[in-house]
Amino acid sequence: MSKQSAGVLVDQLERLGYVRRVPDPVDGRARLIVIEQRGRRAVEVVAATLGEILSEWKAYLGTRNFALLQQILEQLREITDPYAR
């Protein structure tokens, strides 16, 4: 993700009340991103939902095939995520 794209994303999250920018106490030119209560709740919901989905997949595929799926997805990440290298 480029610096510009990250800035746009933070702008959107701030507008929606998930985060806020605060001055950096060490570097007056910088701003820190703080996760608001709404953002923390969203992270909790996402984590719980992801856990449920992964448990469902593991139950369906079995432990061995699920581990294989994870390995394959990690390999594919190398060619699909420019920041994974």
N, C-alpha and C. Protein backbone atom coordinates (compact mmCIF):
# COMPACT_ATOMS: atom_id res chain seq x y z
N MET A 1 0.86 -1.16 0.00
CA MET A 1 0.00 0.00 0.00
C MET A 1 0.90 1.23 0.00
N SER A 2 0.61 2.15 -0.89
CA SER A 2 1.42 3.36 -0.97
C SER A 2 1.08 4.30 0.20
N LYS A 3 1.97 5.25 0.44
CA LYS A 3 1.75 6.24 1.50
C LYS A 3 0.46 7.03 1.22
N GLN A 4 0.24 7.36 -0.04
CA GLN A 4 -0.95 8.11 -0.42
C GLN A 4 -2.22 7.28 -0.18
N SER A 5 -2.19 6.00 -0.56
CA SER A 5 -3.35 5.13 -0.34
C SER A 5 -3.63 4.96 1.15
N ALA A 6 -2.57 4.83 1.94
CA ALA A 6 -2.74 4.70 3.39
C ALA A 6 -3.39 5.95 3.96
N GLY A 7 -2.97 7.11 3.47
CA GLY A 7 -3.56 8.36 3.94
C GLY A 7 -5.04 8.45 3.62
N VAL A 8 -5.42 8.02 2.42
CA VAL A 8 -6.83 8.02 2.02
C VAL A 8 -7.63 7.07 2.91
N LEU A 9 -7.07 5.90 3.17
CA LEU A 9 -7.74 4.93 4.03
C LEU A 9 -7.93 5.47 5.45
N VAL A 10 -6.90 6.09 6.00
CA VAL A 10 -7.00 6.67 7.35
C VAL A 10 -8.03 7.79 7.35
N ASP A 11 -8.06 8.61 6.30
CA ASP A 11 -9.08 9.66 6.20
C ASP A 11 -10.48 9.07 6.30
N GLN A 12 -10.72 7.98 5.56
CA GLN A 12 -12.04 7.34 5.57
C GLN A 12 -12.36 6.76 6.94
N LEU A 13 -11.39 6.07 7.54
CA LEU A 13 -11.61 5.49 8.86
C LEU A 13 -11.86 6.56 9.92
N GLU A 14 -11.18 7.68 9.78
CA GLU A 14 -11.37 8.79 10.72
C GLU A 14 -12.77 9.40 10.55
N ARG A 15 -13.17 9.58 9.31
CA ARG A 15 -14.50 10.14 9.04
C ARG A 15 -15.60 9.25 9.61
N LEU A 16 -15.37 7.93 9.60
CA LEU A 16 -16.37 6.98 10.10
C LEU A 16 -16.27 6.74 11.61
N GLY A 17 -15.28 7.34 12.26
CA GLY A 17 -15.16 7.24 13.71
C GLY A 17 -14.41 6.02 14.22
N TYR A 18 -13.65 5.35 13.35
CA TYR A 18 -12.89 4.18 13.78
C TYR A 18 -11.52 4.55 14.35
N VAL A 19 -10.95 5.65 13.88
CA VAL A 19 -9.64 6.10 14.35
C VAL A 19 -9.65 7.62 14.47
N ARG A 20 -8.62 8.14 15.11
CA ARG A 20 -8.42 9.60 15.12
C ARG A 20 -6.93 9.88 15.07
N ARG A 21 -6.60 11.02 14.52
CA ARG A 21 -5.20 11.45 14.46
C ARG A 21 -4.91 12.35 15.65
N VAL A 22 -3.74 12.15 16.25
CA VAL A 22 -3.31 13.00 17.35
C VAL A 22 -1.87 13.43 17.08
N PRO A 23 -1.46 14.59 17.60
CA PRO A 23 -0.07 15.02 17.41
C PRO A 23 0.90 14.04 18.07
N ASP A 24 2.01 13.80 17.41
CA ASP A 24 3.08 12.96 17.99
C ASP A 24 3.81 13.80 19.03
N PRO A 25 3.86 13.36 20.29
CA PRO A 25 4.51 14.16 21.34
C PRO A 25 6.03 14.30 21.14
N VAL A 26 6.62 13.41 20.34
CA VAL A 26 8.06 13.44 20.11
C VAL A 26 8.42 14.24 18.87
N ASP A 27 7.64 14.08 17.81
CA ASP A 27 7.91 14.74 16.53
C ASP A 27 6.72 15.63 16.18
N GLY A 28 6.88 16.91 16.35
CA GLY A 28 5.79 17.85 16.13
C GLY A 28 5.24 17.86 14.71
N ARG A 29 6.02 17.36 13.75
CA ARG A 29 5.55 17.31 12.36
C ARG A 29 4.66 16.11 12.10
N ALA A 30 4.75 15.10 12.95
CA ALA A 30 4.06 13.83 12.71
C ALA A 30 2.73 13.77 13.45
N ARG A 31 1.88 12.88 12.98
CA ARG A 31 0.61 12.60 13.64
C ARG A 31 0.53 11.10 13.89
N LEU A 32 -0.04 10.72 15.01
CA LEU A 32 -0.24 9.32 15.35
C LEU A 32 -1.69 8.94 15.09
N ILE A 33 -1.92 7.69 14.77
CA ILE A 33 -3.27 7.19 14.54
C ILE A 33 -3.68 6.39 15.78
N VAL A 34 -4.78 6.77 16.39
CA VAL A 34 -5.29 6.10 17.59
C VAL A 34 -6.59 5.40 17.23
N ILE A 35 -6.71 4.14 17.63
CA ILE A 35 -7.94 3.40 17.35
C ILE A 35 -8.98 3.79 18.39
N GLU A 36 -10.14 4.23 17.92
CA GLU A 36 -11.24 4.62 18.80
C GLU A 36 -12.00 3.37 19.27
N GLN A 37 -12.91 3.55 20.21
CA GLN A 37 -13.72 2.44 20.73
C GLN A 37 -14.46 1.74 19.60
N ARG A 38 -15.01 2.50 18.67
CA ARG A 38 -15.72 1.90 17.54
C ARG A 38 -14.78 1.01 16.72
N GLY A 39 -13.55 1.44 16.54
CA GLY A 39 -12.56 0.66 15.82
C GLY A 39 -12.19 -0.61 16.57
N ARG A 40 -12.05 -0.50 17.89
CA ARG A 40 -11.72 -1.69 18.69
C ARG A 40 -12.85 -2.72 18.63
N ARG A 41 -14.08 -2.24 18.67
CA ARG A 41 -15.22 -3.17 18.56
C ARG A 41 -15.22 -3.85 17.19
N ALA A 42 -14.92 -3.10 16.14
CA ALA A 42 -14.87 -3.68 14.79
C ALA A 42 -13.79 -4.75 14.70
N VAL A 43 -12.63 -4.49 15.30
CA VAL A 43 -11.54 -5.48 15.30
C VAL A 43 -11.99 -6.75 16.02
N GLU A 44 -12.69 -6.60 17.14
CA GLU A 44 -13.18 -7.76 17.88
C GLU A 44 -14.16 -8.59 17.05
N VAL A 45 -15.07 -7.91 16.36
CA VAL A 45 -16.05 -8.61 15.52
C VAL A 45 -15.36 -9.34 14.38
N VAL A 46 -14.42 -8.67 13.73
CA VAL A 46 -13.69 -9.29 12.62
C VAL A 46 -12.90 -10.51 13.11
N ALA A 47 -12.22 -10.37 14.24
CA ALA A 47 -11.42 -11.48 14.77
C ALA A 47 -12.32 -12.68 15.12
N ALA A 48 -13.45 -12.41 15.75
CA ALA A 48 -14.37 -13.49 16.11
C ALA A 48 -14.94 -14.16 14.86
N THR A 49 -15.33 -13.36 13.88
CA THR A 49 -15.89 -13.90 12.64
C THR A 49 -14.85 -14.72 11.89
N LEU A 50 -13.64 -14.21 11.80
CA LEU A 50 -12.57 -14.95 11.13
C LEU A 50 -12.31 -16.28 11.84
N GLY A 51 -12.30 -16.25 13.16
CA GLY A 51 -12.11 -17.48 13.93
C GLY A 51 -13.19 -18.51 13.63
N GLU A 52 -14.43 -18.06 13.54
CA GLU A 52 -15.54 -18.96 13.22
C GLU A 52 -15.39 -19.55 11.82
N ILE A 53 -15.03 -18.71 10.86
CA ILE A 53 -14.86 -19.18 9.48
C ILE A 53 -13.74 -20.20 9.39
N LEU A 54 -12.60 -19.90 10.01
CA LEU A 54 -11.46 -20.82 9.95
C LEU A 54 -11.78 -22.14 10.65
N SER A 55 -12.51 -22.08 11.75
CA SER A 55 -12.92 -23.32 12.44
C SER A 55 -13.83 -24.16 11.56
N GLU A 56 -14.74 -23.50 10.86
CA GLU A 56 -15.66 -24.19 9.96
C GLU A 56 -14.89 -24.85 8.81
N TRP A 57 -13.94 -24.12 8.23
CA TRP A 57 -13.13 -24.68 7.14
C TRP A 57 -12.32 -25.87 7.62
N LYS A 58 -11.73 -25.74 8.81
CA LYS A 58 -10.90 -26.82 9.36
C LYS A 58 -11.75 -28.06 9.62
N ALA A 59 -12.95 -27.86 10.15
CA ALA A 59 -13.85 -28.99 10.41
C ALA A 59 -14.24 -29.67 9.10
N TYR A 60 -14.45 -28.90 8.06
CA TYR A 60 -14.84 -29.46 6.76
C TYR A 60 -13.67 -30.15 6.07
N LEU A 61 -12.50 -29.51 6.06
CA LEU A 61 -11.34 -30.03 5.33
C LEU A 61 -10.55 -31.07 6.12
N GLY A 62 -10.61 -31.00 7.44
CA GLY A 62 -9.75 -31.83 8.27
C GLY A 62 -8.45 -31.09 8.54
N THR A 63 -7.78 -31.48 9.61
CA THR A 63 -6.57 -30.77 10.04
C THR A 63 -5.49 -30.76 8.97
N ARG A 64 -5.26 -31.91 8.35
CA ARG A 64 -4.18 -32.02 7.35
C ARG A 64 -4.45 -31.15 6.12
N ASN A 65 -5.64 -31.25 5.56
CA ASN A 65 -5.97 -30.46 4.36
C ASN A 65 -6.04 -28.97 4.68
N PHE A 66 -6.49 -28.64 5.88
CA PHE A 66 -6.54 -27.23 6.27
C PHE A 66 -5.13 -26.66 6.35
N ALA A 67 -4.20 -27.42 6.92
CA ALA A 67 -2.80 -26.98 6.99
C ALA A 67 -2.23 -26.83 5.58
N LEU A 68 -2.58 -27.73 4.69
CA LEU A 68 -2.13 -27.65 3.30
C LEU A 68 -2.69 -26.39 2.63
N LEU A 69 -3.96 -26.11 2.88
CA LEU A 69 -4.57 -24.89 2.34
C LEU A 69 -3.82 -23.65 2.81
N GLN A 70 -3.49 -23.60 4.09
CA GLN A 70 -2.76 -22.45 4.62
C GLN A 70 -1.40 -22.31 3.95
N GLN A 71 -0.71 -23.42 3.74
CA GLN A 71 0.60 -23.38 3.08
C GLN A 71 0.48 -22.88 1.65
N ILE A 72 -0.52 -23.35 0.94
CA ILE A 72 -0.71 -22.94 -0.46
C ILE A 72 -1.06 -21.46 -0.53
N LEU A 73 -1.92 -21.00 0.36
CA LEU A 73 -2.28 -19.57 0.37
C LEU A 73 -1.07 -18.70 0.67
N GLU A 74 -0.20 -19.15 1.57
CA GLU A 74 1.04 -18.40 1.86
C GLU A 74 1.93 -18.33 0.62
N GLN A 75 2.01 -19.43 -0.12
CA GLN A 75 2.81 -19.44 -1.35
C GLN A 75 2.23 -18.47 -2.37
N LEU A 76 0.92 -18.48 -2.52
CA LEU A 76 0.27 -17.58 -3.48
C LEU A 76 0.45 -16.12 -3.09
N ARG A 77 0.56 -15.88 -1.82
CA ARG A 77 0.77 -14.51 -1.34
C ARG A 77 2.05 -13.92 -1.92
N GLU A 78 3.05 -14.76 -2.13
CA GLU A 78 4.32 -14.29 -2.68
C GLU A 78 4.16 -13.65 -4.06
N ILE A 79 3.17 -14.10 -4.83
CA ILE A 79 2.99 -13.53 -6.17
C ILE A 79 1.83 -12.54 -6.25
N THR A 80 1.06 -12.42 -5.18
CA THR A 80 -0.09 -11.51 -5.22
C THR A 80 0.06 -10.30 -4.31
N ASP A 81 0.99 -10.35 -3.36
CA ASP A 81 1.17 -9.25 -2.41
C ASP A 81 2.56 -8.66 -2.60
N PRO A 82 2.64 -7.47 -3.18
CA PRO A 82 3.96 -6.89 -3.44
C PRO A 82 4.76 -6.58 -2.18
N TYR A 83 4.11 -6.51 -1.02
CA TYR A 83 4.80 -6.20 0.22
C TYR A 83 5.22 -7.45 0.98
N ALA A 84 4.87 -8.64 0.46
CA ALA A 84 5.21 -9.89 1.14
C ALA A 84 6.65 -10.31 0.87
N ARG A 85 7.27 -9.72 -0.12
CA ARG A 85 8.62 -10.13 -0.52
C ARG A 85 9.66 -9.57 0.39
